[in-house]
Amino acid sequence: MASDFSEKPLSSRTAYSGRLLTVKEDEVRLPDGGQARREYIQHQGAVVIIPLMDRDTVLLEHQFRYPLRRHFLELPAGKIEQNEPPEQTARRELLEETGYLAREWSFLTTLHPCVGYSDERIELFLARELVFEGHPGEDDEFIESVTMPIDEALEGIFRRQITEAKTILGVFWADRLRRA
């Protein structure tokens, strides 16, 4: 059995609260009886979708990401709204960001991308049998859809052209699923 290194909260305060996230600062009791401060981000969760155009082709997005001041190729993704089931979020985000609906949905796994400083979870879905419905978009998002062979996306990862973590994991999942 693994050792229990759990930390017990002694106090907690909200340092910042916004639309996307909340920053917390807690004092904790350590397993050895000492105390420490823990700063972390609370996030309501997100989804990422692997939209397959066919067995060997994935639908990606090209968009500018302000924190890093550059463009990225990414899988469609978005924040889970309060009380919204993750699959409903995935369906909504796929349509809003790409204009596609999917006839077949599969839940794959839950990712925890930043366990050292965030409680964020990302629910990973596979979307197949895509049908273009039109692109409603969102007022503050500028996104271009890009279809790409999975092999080309893998090459982009290994050449450090695709660096966004959930997209890398999603492309690896897509490659694994097509080989199964």
Protein backbone atom coordinates (compact mmCIF):
# COMPACT_ATOMS: atom_id res chain seq x y z
CA MET A 1 0.00 0.00 0.00
CA ALA A 2 1.27 3.50 -0.86
CA SER A 3 2.09 5.97 1.89
CA ASP A 4 -0.44 8.67 2.76
CA PHE A 5 1.13 12.08 2.17
CA SER A 6 -2.19 13.95 2.38
CA GLU A 7 -2.16 17.59 3.39
CA LYS A 8 -4.95 18.99 5.59
CA PRO A 9 -6.32 22.49 4.91
CA LEU A 10 -6.05 24.92 7.83
CA SER A 11 -7.30 28.08 6.09
CA SER A 12 -8.26 29.21 2.61
CA ARG A 13 -8.72 32.54 0.89
CA THR A 14 -9.66 33.58 -2.65
CA ALA A 15 -6.90 35.73 -4.14
CA TYR A 16 -8.76 36.30 -7.44
CA SER A 17 -12.04 35.24 -9.03
CA GLY A 18 -12.84 35.73 -12.71
CA ARG A 19 -14.94 34.30 -15.55
CA LEU A 20 -12.51 31.48 -16.33
CA LEU A 21 -10.82 30.64 -13.05
CA THR A 22 -10.37 31.32 -9.34
CA VAL A 23 -6.98 31.62 -7.65
CA LYS A 24 -6.86 30.23 -4.11
CA GLU A 25 -4.26 30.52 -1.38
CA ASP A 26 -4.44 27.92 1.39
CA GLU A 27 -2.43 27.17 4.51
CA VAL A 28 -2.05 23.41 4.99
CA ARG A 29 -0.79 20.97 7.60
CA LEU A 30 1.90 18.72 6.09
CA PRO A 31 2.16 14.97 6.83
CA ASP A 32 5.13 15.65 9.15
CA GLY A 33 3.15 18.23 11.18
CA GLY A 34 4.68 21.31 9.55
CA GLN A 35 2.78 23.99 7.68
CA ALA A 36 3.00 25.29 4.12
CA ARG A 37 1.19 27.64 1.73
CA ARG A 38 -0.47 26.23 -1.39
CA GLU A 39 -1.52 28.48 -4.29
CA TYR A 40 -3.71 26.87 -6.90
CA ILE A 41 -6.28 27.51 -9.59
CA GLN A 42 -9.85 26.28 -9.43
CA HIS A 43 -11.32 25.66 -12.88
CA GLN A 44 -14.79 24.37 -13.72
CA GLY A 45 -13.46 21.88 -16.25
CA ALA A 46 -13.28 21.59 -20.00
CA VAL A 47 -13.70 19.19 -22.87
CA VAL A 48 -11.51 18.41 -25.83
CA ILE A 49 -12.84 16.73 -28.94
CA ILE A 50 -11.01 14.51 -31.43
CA PRO A 51 -13.16 15.08 -34.54
CA LEU A 52 -12.35 12.47 -37.18
CA MET A 53 -13.25 13.37 -40.75
CA ASP A 54 -12.46 9.76 -41.63
CA ARG A 55 -10.29 7.00 -40.19
CA ASP A 56 -7.05 8.81 -41.04
CA THR A 57 -7.97 12.52 -40.94
CA VAL A 58 -8.52 14.79 -37.95
CA LEU A 59 -10.13 18.24 -37.82
CA LEU A 60 -7.93 20.81 -36.05
CA GLU A 61 -8.23 24.53 -35.39
CA HIS A 62 -5.80 27.33 -36.09
CA GLN A 63 -6.11 30.17 -33.59
CA PHE A 64 -4.18 32.88 -31.77
CA ARG A 65 -3.59 32.35 -28.05
CA TYR A 66 -2.99 35.60 -26.23
CA PRO A 67 -0.99 34.35 -23.18
CA LEU A 68 1.78 33.08 -25.48
CA ARG A 69 1.20 35.71 -28.22
CA ARG A 70 1.24 33.15 -31.03
CA HIS A 71 -0.91 30.92 -33.21
CA PHE A 72 -1.49 27.27 -32.39
CA LEU A 73 -2.95 24.21 -34.09
CA GLU A 74 -5.34 22.62 -31.60
CA LEU A 75 -8.18 20.19 -31.28
CA PRO A 76 -11.57 21.84 -30.62
CA ALA A 77 -12.11 22.39 -26.92
CA GLY A 78 -14.03 24.51 -24.47
CA LYS A 79 -15.08 25.23 -20.92
CA ILE A 80 -17.86 23.24 -19.27
CA GLU A 81 -20.62 25.63 -18.25
CA GLN A 82 -22.16 25.32 -14.78
CA ASN A 83 -24.44 22.24 -14.54
CA GLU A 84 -23.73 21.33 -18.19
CA PRO A 85 -22.98 17.64 -18.85
CA PRO A 86 -19.53 17.27 -20.48
CA GLU A 87 -20.89 15.53 -23.61
CA GLN A 88 -23.30 18.42 -24.14
CA THR A 89 -20.33 20.81 -23.84
CA ALA A 90 -18.43 18.76 -26.42
CA ARG A 91 -21.35 18.83 -28.86
CA ARG A 92 -21.81 22.59 -28.36
CA GLU A 93 -18.12 23.43 -28.72
CA LEU A 94 -17.67 21.31 -31.85
CA LEU A 95 -20.54 23.13 -33.55
CA GLU A 96 -19.55 26.62 -32.32
CA GLU A 97 -15.90 26.28 -33.23
CA THR A 98 -16.03 24.23 -36.43
CA GLY A 99 -19.61 24.21 -37.71
CA TYR A 100 -19.74 20.40 -37.50
CA LEU A 101 -22.11 18.02 -35.76
CA ALA A 102 -21.10 14.43 -35.07
CA ARG A 103 -23.45 11.45 -35.37
CA GLU A 104 -21.23 9.25 -33.18
CA TRP A 105 -19.72 10.24 -29.83
CA SER A 106 -17.46 8.28 -27.47
CA PHE A 107 -16.06 9.33 -24.11
CA LEU A 108 -12.38 8.34 -23.92
CA THR A 109 -10.85 9.53 -20.64
CA THR A 110 -10.35 12.33 -18.14
CA LEU A 111 -7.13 14.35 -18.24
CA HIS A 112 -5.68 16.39 -15.36
CA PRO A 113 -3.29 18.74 -17.21
CA CYS A 114 -1.76 20.80 -14.38
CA VAL A 115 -1.94 18.84 -11.11
CA GLY A 116 0.81 20.94 -9.51
CA TYR A 117 -1.25 24.13 -9.55
CA SER A 118 -4.79 23.49 -10.76
CA ASP A 119 -7.81 21.24 -10.15
CA GLU A 120 -8.77 21.46 -13.85
CA ARG A 121 -10.07 18.32 -15.50
CA ILE A 122 -10.50 17.86 -19.23
CA GLU A 123 -12.95 15.28 -20.57
CA LEU A 124 -11.71 13.78 -23.85
CA PHE A 125 -14.29 12.79 -26.48
CA LEU A 126 -14.06 11.15 -29.89
CA ALA A 127 -16.44 12.50 -32.56
CA ARG A 128 -17.08 10.53 -35.77
CA GLU A 129 -19.40 10.76 -38.76
CA LEU A 130 -19.14 14.53 -38.98
CA VAL A 131 -21.74 16.58 -40.84
CA PHE A 132 -21.18 20.26 -41.63
CA GLU A 133 -24.11 22.35 -40.37
CA GLY A 134 -22.66 25.84 -40.68
CA HIS A 135 -20.39 27.85 -38.50
CA PRO A 136 -22.22 30.00 -35.93
CA GLY A 137 -18.98 30.95 -34.13
CA GLU A 138 -18.63 33.10 -31.05
CA ASP A 139 -18.22 36.87 -30.95
CA ASP A 140 -14.73 36.90 -29.42
CA GLU A 141 -13.19 33.85 -31.13
CA PHE A 142 -11.42 33.84 -34.47
CA ILE A 143 -10.83 30.23 -35.49
CA GLU A 144 -9.95 28.56 -38.77
CA SER A 145 -10.71 24.84 -39.19
CA VAL A 146 -7.95 22.72 -40.71
CA THR A 147 -8.27 19.10 -41.82
CA MET A 148 -5.04 17.15 -41.48
CA PRO A 149 -3.99 13.53 -41.93
CA ILE A 150 -3.19 12.00 -38.55
CA ASP A 151 0.27 11.07 -39.83
CA GLU A 152 0.92 14.74 -40.68
CA ALA A 153 -0.29 15.82 -37.24
CA LEU A 154 2.05 13.27 -35.63
CA GLU A 155 4.91 14.64 -37.72
CA GLY A 156 3.96 18.15 -36.57
CA ILE A 157 4.24 16.97 -32.96
CA PHE A 158 7.66 15.40 -33.47
CA ARG A 159 8.89 18.51 -35.33
CA ARG A 160 7.67 20.69 -32.41
CA GLN A 161 5.14 22.50 -34.62
CA ILE A 162 2.17 21.21 -32.60
CA THR A 163 3.00 21.87 -28.95
CA GLU A 164 -0.36 22.26 -27.20
CA ALA A 165 -0.64 19.42 -24.66
CA LYS A 166 -4.28 18.32 -25.02
CA THR A 167 -3.88 18.27 -28.80
CA ILE A 168 -0.75 16.12 -28.57
CA LEU A 169 -2.59 13.65 -26.32
CA GLY A 170 -5.65 13.69 -28.59
CA VAL A 171 -3.61 13.02 -31.73
CA PHE A 172 -1.86 10.12 -29.97
CA TRP A 173 -5.30 8.74 -29.01
CA ALA A 174 -6.52 9.13 -32.62
CA ASP A 175 -3.46 7.27 -33.91
CA ARG A 176 -3.91 4.48 -31.37
CA LEU A 177 -7.64 4.12 -32.08
CA ARG A 178 -7.13 3.80 -35.84
CA ARG A 179 -4.57 1.05 -35.27
CA ALA A 180 -6.83 -0.91 -32.89
